[in-house]
Every structure is written in structure tokens, then in C-alpha cells.
Amino acid sequence: MQINTLWRVVRTLIVTYVISAVLLAALSFALFQFHLREPEVNAAVNAVYILSCLLGGLIAGKTMKTRRFLWGLLIGLLYFLFLFCMSMAQSGGMTAEPIRPLSVLAMCALSGMAGGMIS
């Protein structure tokens, strides 16, 4: 992998996490203003994951020009990997419900790949 390609991937991941931060800040404001219940917050967090990875895959596909769906998939997987590592570091281990990380992995990977495909 060339330095230029690696820089494009890193830049796309940074943009994806900035998008996530903005969306999560909006979600926290909505939580404060509208007193959302836990199922609504969980659905909104899932929507943030999906939208962020979709836009990240779209950006990756636009910048890479070839094999767009694979670059989008890579962005989704790297997004999940960083999210998973930060979650493990914060909680000190695996969660009690092992299916949750797998569903988040599927959401991130598939939405990143879809973003790459539509780019």
C-alpha cells in the first residue's frame, strides 16, 4: 500500500469520526431536550453508525476511484475496529452480550460497502 493510499484512508477515517462526533452531539442535545427513552437512543446510535460509515464509504469510493465497494468495506471495518478497541479499553473487557458487537460490525461493514458502491 502506498503512502498516498494510506493517507487517503486515514483522512477518510478522520472525516468519518468527525461526522460521528457531530451526529452524536446532536443526539445528546435531543436526549437532553426531549428526554428520549433507551430504545430510541439505541436506534439513534445505530443510525449514527450507519450514516457515518455510509458517508465514509462514499468518500472512500470517490477518492479511490477503483474497487470502490472494497474501500468502503475497509472504511467500515476500520471504523468498527477503532470503536471496538476504544469500547474494550473503556469497559475493561468484553460486554455481557456478545451479539451486540457482531451486529455493529455488520452495520458498519455493510453501510461502508454500500457507500462505496453508490459513490
N, C-alpha and C. Protein backbone atom coordinates (compact mmCIF):
# COMPACT_ATOMS: atom_id res chain seq x y z
N MET A 1 0.85 -1.17 0.00
CA MET A 1 0.00 0.00 0.00
C MET A 1 0.90 1.24 0.00
N GLN A 2 0.62 2.14 -0.88
CA GLN A 2 1.42 3.34 -0.98
C GLN A 2 1.06 4.33 0.12
N ILE A 3 1.98 5.25 0.36
CA ILE A 3 1.76 6.28 1.38
C ILE A 3 0.53 7.12 1.03
N ASN A 4 0.38 7.44 -0.25
CA ASN A 4 -0.75 8.27 -0.68
C ASN A 4 -2.07 7.56 -0.40
N THR A 5 -2.14 6.28 -0.68
CA THR A 5 -3.35 5.50 -0.42
C THR A 5 -3.61 5.40 1.08
N LEU A 6 -2.58 5.18 1.85
CA LEU A 6 -2.73 5.11 3.30
C LEU A 6 -3.23 6.45 3.84
N TRP A 7 -2.70 7.55 3.33
CA TRP A 7 -3.14 8.87 3.78
C TRP A 7 -4.62 9.09 3.43
N ARG A 8 -5.05 8.64 2.26
CA ARG A 8 -6.47 8.78 1.89
C ARG A 8 -7.36 8.01 2.85
N VAL A 9 -6.95 6.81 3.23
CA VAL A 9 -7.74 6.00 4.17
C VAL A 9 -7.80 6.69 5.52
N VAL A 10 -6.66 7.17 6.01
CA VAL A 10 -6.62 7.84 7.31
C VAL A 10 -7.47 9.11 7.28
N ARG A 11 -7.35 9.87 6.22
CA ARG A 11 -8.14 11.09 6.10
C ARG A 11 -9.64 10.78 6.06
N THR A 12 -10.01 9.74 5.35
CA THR A 12 -11.42 9.34 5.30
C THR A 12 -11.92 8.91 6.67
N LEU A 13 -11.10 8.17 7.41
CA LEU A 13 -11.49 7.77 8.75
C LEU A 13 -11.65 8.97 9.68
N ILE A 14 -10.77 9.94 9.55
CA ILE A 14 -10.88 11.15 10.38
C ILE A 14 -12.18 11.87 10.07
N VAL A 15 -12.49 12.02 8.79
CA VAL A 15 -13.74 12.68 8.41
C VAL A 15 -14.94 11.89 8.93
N THR A 16 -14.86 10.57 8.87
CA THR A 16 -15.95 9.73 9.35
C THR A 16 -16.17 9.91 10.84
N TYR A 17 -15.09 10.00 11.61
CA TYR A 17 -15.24 10.21 13.05
C TYR A 17 -15.71 11.62 13.39
N VAL A 18 -15.36 12.60 12.57
CA VAL A 18 -15.88 13.95 12.77
C VAL A 18 -17.39 13.96 12.52
N ILE A 19 -17.82 13.27 11.48
CA ILE A 19 -19.26 13.14 11.21
C ILE A 19 -19.95 12.48 12.39
N SER A 20 -19.36 11.43 12.92
CA SER A 20 -19.93 10.74 14.08
C SER A 20 -20.02 11.67 15.28
N ALA A 21 -18.99 12.46 15.51
CA ALA A 21 -18.99 13.38 16.65
C ALA A 21 -20.10 14.41 16.52
N VAL A 22 -20.28 14.94 15.32
CA VAL A 22 -21.34 15.93 15.12
C VAL A 22 -22.71 15.30 15.33
N LEU A 23 -22.91 14.10 14.77
CA LEU A 23 -24.20 13.43 14.92
C LEU A 23 -24.46 13.03 16.37
N LEU A 24 -23.43 12.59 17.08
CA LEU A 24 -23.62 12.22 18.48
C LEU A 24 -23.86 13.44 19.35
N ALA A 25 -23.27 14.56 19.00
CA ALA A 25 -23.56 15.80 19.73
C ALA A 25 -25.01 16.22 19.52
N ALA A 26 -25.50 16.08 18.30
CA ALA A 26 -26.91 16.37 18.03
C ALA A 26 -27.82 15.40 18.79
N LEU A 27 -27.41 14.15 18.86
CA LEU A 27 -28.19 13.16 19.61
C LEU A 27 -28.21 13.48 21.09
N SER A 28 -27.08 13.90 21.63
CA SER A 28 -27.07 14.25 23.06
C SER A 28 -27.93 15.47 23.34
N PHE A 29 -27.96 16.42 22.41
CA PHE A 29 -28.85 17.56 22.57
C PHE A 29 -30.31 17.12 22.54
N ALA A 30 -30.63 16.22 21.61
CA ALA A 30 -32.00 15.70 21.53
C ALA A 30 -32.36 14.93 22.79
N LEU A 31 -31.42 14.18 23.30
CA LEU A 31 -31.65 13.44 24.54
C LEU A 31 -31.94 14.40 25.69
N PHE A 32 -31.22 15.48 25.75
CA PHE A 32 -31.41 16.48 26.80
C PHE A 32 -32.74 17.20 26.65
N GLN A 33 -33.07 17.59 25.43
CA GLN A 33 -34.29 18.37 25.19
C GLN A 33 -35.57 17.55 25.25
N PHE A 34 -35.54 16.34 24.69
CA PHE A 34 -36.76 15.57 24.52
C PHE A 34 -36.88 14.37 25.45
N HIS A 35 -35.90 14.17 26.31
CA HIS A 35 -35.93 13.06 27.28
C HIS A 35 -36.25 11.73 26.59
N LEU A 36 -35.42 11.39 25.62
CA LEU A 36 -35.62 10.17 24.85
C LEU A 36 -35.45 8.94 25.73
N ARG A 37 -36.19 7.90 25.40
CA ARG A 37 -36.07 6.64 26.13
C ARG A 37 -34.92 5.81 25.55
N GLU A 38 -34.53 4.79 26.29
CA GLU A 38 -33.37 3.98 25.90
C GLU A 38 -33.52 3.33 24.52
N PRO A 39 -34.67 2.74 24.16
CA PRO A 39 -34.78 2.17 22.81
C PRO A 39 -34.60 3.21 21.70
N GLU A 40 -35.10 4.41 21.94
CA GLU A 40 -34.94 5.46 20.94
C GLU A 40 -33.48 5.89 20.81
N VAL A 41 -32.79 5.96 21.93
CA VAL A 41 -31.37 6.33 21.91
C VAL A 41 -30.56 5.24 21.22
N ASN A 42 -30.85 3.98 21.51
CA ASN A 42 -30.13 2.87 20.86
C ASN A 42 -30.34 2.89 19.35
N ALA A 43 -31.57 3.15 18.92
CA ALA A 43 -31.85 3.23 17.48
C ALA A 43 -31.11 4.41 16.85
N ALA A 44 -31.06 5.53 17.56
CA ALA A 44 -30.36 6.70 17.03
C ALA A 44 -28.85 6.46 16.95
N VAL A 45 -28.29 5.77 17.94
CA VAL A 45 -26.85 5.46 17.90
C VAL A 45 -26.56 4.53 16.72
N ASN A 46 -27.43 3.54 16.49
CA ASN A 46 -27.26 2.67 15.33
C ASN A 46 -27.34 3.48 14.03
N ALA A 47 -28.25 4.44 13.99
CA ALA A 47 -28.36 5.29 12.80
C ALA A 47 -27.09 6.12 12.60
N VAL A 48 -26.48 6.57 13.69
CA VAL A 48 -25.22 7.31 13.59
C VAL A 48 -24.13 6.42 13.01
N TYR A 49 -24.03 5.18 13.49
CA TYR A 49 -23.04 4.24 12.94
C TYR A 49 -23.26 4.05 11.44
N ILE A 50 -24.50 3.80 11.07
CA ILE A 50 -24.81 3.52 9.67
C ILE A 50 -24.53 4.74 8.79
N LEU A 51 -25.01 5.89 9.21
CA LEU A 51 -24.82 7.10 8.40
C LEU A 51 -23.35 7.48 8.30
N SER A 52 -22.62 7.36 9.39
CA SER A 52 -21.20 7.70 9.36
C SER A 52 -20.42 6.78 8.42
N CYS A 53 -20.67 5.49 8.53
CA CYS A 53 -19.96 4.54 7.65
C CYS A 53 -20.40 4.67 6.21
N LEU A 54 -21.68 4.96 5.98
CA LEU A 54 -22.16 5.17 4.62
C LEU A 54 -21.45 6.36 3.99
N LEU A 55 -21.37 7.46 4.72
CA LEU A 55 -20.67 8.64 4.19
C LEU A 55 -19.16 8.39 4.07
N GLY A 56 -18.58 7.64 5.01
CA GLY A 56 -17.17 7.29 4.90
C GLY A 56 -16.89 6.43 3.68
N GLY A 57 -17.77 5.46 3.42
CA GLY A 57 -17.62 4.63 2.22
C GLY A 57 -17.80 5.44 0.95
N LEU A 58 -18.71 6.40 0.99
CA LEU A 58 -18.92 7.28 -0.15
C LEU A 58 -17.67 8.11 -0.43
N ILE A 59 -17.09 8.66 0.61
CA ILE A 59 -15.86 9.45 0.46
C ILE A 59 -14.71 8.57 -0.03
N ALA A 60 -14.59 7.38 0.54
CA ALA A 60 -13.52 6.47 0.12
C ALA A 60 -13.68 6.08 -1.34
N GLY A 61 -14.89 5.79 -1.75
CA GLY A 61 -15.13 5.43 -3.14
C GLY A 61 -14.81 6.57 -4.10
N LYS A 62 -15.15 7.78 -3.70
CA LYS A 62 -14.87 8.94 -4.55
C LYS A 62 -13.36 9.20 -4.67
N THR A 63 -12.62 8.98 -3.58
CA THR A 63 -11.18 9.28 -3.63
C THR A 63 -10.37 8.15 -4.26
N MET A 64 -10.81 6.92 -4.12
CA MET A 64 -10.02 5.79 -4.62
C MET A 64 -10.27 5.47 -6.09
N LYS A 65 -11.48 5.67 -6.57
CA LYS A 65 -11.86 5.50 -7.98
C LYS A 65 -11.97 4.05 -8.45
N THR A 66 -11.23 3.10 -7.90
CA THR A 66 -11.32 1.71 -8.32
C THR A 66 -11.66 0.84 -7.11
N ARG A 67 -12.35 -0.27 -7.37
CA ARG A 67 -12.77 -1.19 -6.30
C ARG A 67 -13.43 -0.45 -5.14
N ARG A 68 -14.36 0.39 -5.49
CA ARG A 68 -14.97 1.29 -4.52
C ARG A 68 -15.64 0.55 -3.37
N PHE A 69 -16.34 -0.53 -3.67
CA PHE A 69 -17.03 -1.24 -2.59
C PHE A 69 -16.05 -1.86 -1.60
N LEU A 70 -14.88 -2.28 -2.06
CA LEU A 70 -13.88 -2.82 -1.15
C LEU A 70 -13.30 -1.73 -0.25
N TRP A 71 -13.08 -0.54 -0.79
CA TRP A 71 -12.58 0.56 0.02
C TRP A 71 -13.62 0.99 1.03
N GLY A 72 -14.88 1.01 0.62
CA GLY A 72 -15.95 1.32 1.55
C GLY A 72 -16.06 0.28 2.66
N LEU A 73 -15.91 -0.98 2.28
CA LEU A 73 -15.92 -2.07 3.27
C LEU A 73 -14.75 -1.90 4.25
N LEU A 74 -13.58 -1.57 3.74
CA LEU A 74 -12.41 -1.36 4.59
C LEU A 74 -12.65 -0.21 5.57
N ILE A 75 -13.23 0.87 5.09
CA ILE A 75 -13.52 2.01 5.98
C ILE A 75 -14.50 1.58 7.07
N GLY A 76 -15.53 0.85 6.71
CA GLY A 76 -16.49 0.36 7.70
C GLY A 76 -15.84 -0.55 8.73
N LEU A 77 -14.97 -1.43 8.27
CA LEU A 77 -14.29 -2.35 9.18
C LEU A 77 -13.31 -1.61 10.11
N LEU A 78 -12.56 -0.67 9.54
CA LEU A 78 -11.63 0.10 10.38
C LEU A 78 -12.37 0.99 11.37
N TYR A 79 -13.50 1.54 10.95
CA TYR A 79 -14.34 2.33 11.86
C TYR A 79 -14.78 1.46 13.03
N PHE A 80 -15.27 0.26 12.73
CA PHE A 80 -15.70 -0.64 13.79
C PHE A 80 -14.52 -1.05 14.67
N LEU A 81 -13.39 -1.36 14.08
CA LEU A 81 -12.24 -1.82 14.85
C LEU A 81 -11.80 -0.77 15.86
N PHE A 82 -11.73 0.47 15.44
CA PHE A 82 -11.36 1.54 16.37
C PHE A 82 -12.42 1.72 17.44
N LEU A 83 -13.68 1.68 17.05
CA LEU A 83 -14.78 1.80 18.00
C LEU A 83 -14.75 0.66 19.00
N PHE A 84 -14.50 -0.54 18.53
CA PHE A 84 -14.45 -1.73 19.39
C PHE A 84 -13.27 -1.65 20.36
N CYS A 85 -12.11 -1.24 19.86
CA CYS A 85 -10.93 -1.12 20.74
C CYS A 85 -11.14 -0.06 21.82
N MET A 86 -11.73 1.06 21.46
CA MET A 86 -12.00 2.10 22.45
C MET A 86 -13.04 1.62 23.47
N SER A 87 -14.01 0.89 23.03
CA SER A 87 -15.03 0.36 23.93
C SER A 87 -14.43 -0.67 24.89
N MET A 88 -13.55 -1.51 24.37
CA MET A 88 -12.88 -2.51 25.22
C MET A 88 -11.97 -1.83 26.24
N ALA A 89 -11.29 -0.80 25.83
CA ALA A 89 -10.39 -0.09 26.75
C ALA A 89 -11.18 0.62 27.85
N GLN A 90 -12.33 1.16 27.49
CA GLN A 90 -13.13 1.87 28.47
C GLN A 90 -13.80 0.92 29.45
N SER A 91 -14.37 -0.17 28.94
CA SER A 91 -15.12 -1.08 29.81
C SER A 91 -14.23 -2.12 30.47
N GLY A 92 -13.03 -2.28 30.00
CA GLY A 92 -12.11 -3.23 30.60
C GLY A 92 -12.33 -4.67 30.17
N GLY A 93 -13.05 -4.90 29.12
CA GLY A 93 -13.26 -6.27 28.64
C GLY A 93 -14.49 -6.36 27.76
N MET A 94 -14.84 -7.59 27.45
CA MET A 94 -15.96 -7.89 26.58
C MET A 94 -17.28 -7.63 27.31
N THR A 95 -18.27 -7.19 26.56
CA THR A 95 -19.59 -6.96 27.15
C THR A 95 -20.29 -8.27 27.46
N ALA A 96 -21.32 -8.19 28.25
CA ALA A 96 -22.08 -9.38 28.63
C ALA A 96 -22.87 -9.95 27.45
N GLU A 97 -23.18 -9.11 26.49
CA GLU A 97 -23.97 -9.56 25.36
C GLU A 97 -23.08 -9.59 24.10
N PRO A 98 -22.61 -10.78 23.73
CA PRO A 98 -21.63 -10.87 22.63
C PRO A 98 -22.23 -10.64 21.24
N ILE A 99 -23.54 -10.64 21.11
CA ILE A 99 -24.14 -10.45 19.79
C ILE A 99 -24.12 -8.98 19.37
N ARG A 100 -24.08 -8.07 20.33
CA ARG A 100 -24.09 -6.64 20.02
C ARG A 100 -22.89 -6.21 19.17
N PRO A 101 -21.66 -6.58 19.53
CA PRO A 101 -20.53 -6.19 18.66
C PRO A 101 -20.64 -6.77 17.25
N LEU A 102 -21.20 -7.96 17.12
CA LEU A 102 -21.35 -8.55 15.79
C LEU A 102 -22.37 -7.79 14.95
N SER A 103 -23.44 -7.33 15.59
CA SER A 103 -24.43 -6.57 14.83
C SER A 103 -23.87 -5.19 14.45
N VAL A 104 -23.09 -4.58 15.32
CA VAL A 104 -22.47 -3.29 14.98
C VAL A 104 -21.44 -3.49 13.87
N LEU A 105 -20.68 -4.59 13.92
CA LEU A 105 -19.73 -4.90 12.85
C LEU A 105 -20.45 -5.03 11.52
N ALA A 106 -21.57 -5.74 11.51
CA ALA A 106 -22.34 -5.90 10.27
C ALA A 106 -22.87 -4.56 9.77
N MET A 107 -23.38 -3.74 10.68
CA MET A 107 -23.90 -2.42 10.27
C MET A 107 -22.80 -1.57 9.66
N CYS A 108 -21.65 -1.51 10.33
CA CYS A 108 -20.56 -0.68 9.84
C CYS A 108 -20.02 -1.18 8.51
N ALA A 109 -19.77 -2.47 8.42
CA ALA A 109 -19.19 -3.03 7.20
C ALA A 109 -20.13 -2.90 6.01
N LEU A 110 -21.39 -3.24 6.21
CA LEU A 110 -22.33 -3.19 5.10
C LEU A 110 -22.67 -1.77 4.66
N SER A 111 -22.78 -0.86 5.62
CA SER A 111 -23.08 0.52 5.23
C SER A 111 -21.86 1.18 4.58
N GLY A 112 -20.66 0.85 5.04
CA GLY A 112 -19.46 1.36 4.37
C GLY A 112 -19.36 0.84 2.94
N MET A 113 -19.65 -0.45 2.77
CA MET A 113 -19.61 -1.04 1.44
C MET A 113 -20.69 -0.42 0.54
N ALA A 114 -21.88 -0.19 1.10
CA ALA A 114 -22.94 0.45 0.31
C ALA A 114 -22.54 1.86 -0.11
N GLY A 115 -21.90 2.59 0.80
CA GLY A 115 -21.42 3.93 0.45
C GLY A 115 -20.40 3.89 -0.68
N GLY A 116 -19.51 2.91 -0.62
CA GLY A 116 -18.55 2.77 -1.71
C GLY A 116 -19.21 2.41 -3.04
N MET A 117 -20.26 1.60 -2.96
CA MET A 117 -20.94 1.18 -4.19
C MET A 117 -21.72 2.32 -4.84
N ILE A 118 -22.27 3.22 -4.03
CA ILE A 118 -23.06 4.31 -4.63
C ILE A 118 -22.21 5.52 -5.00
N SER A 119 -20.92 5.46 -4.66
CA SER A 119 -20.07 6.62 -4.97
C SER A 119 -19.80 6.74 -6.47
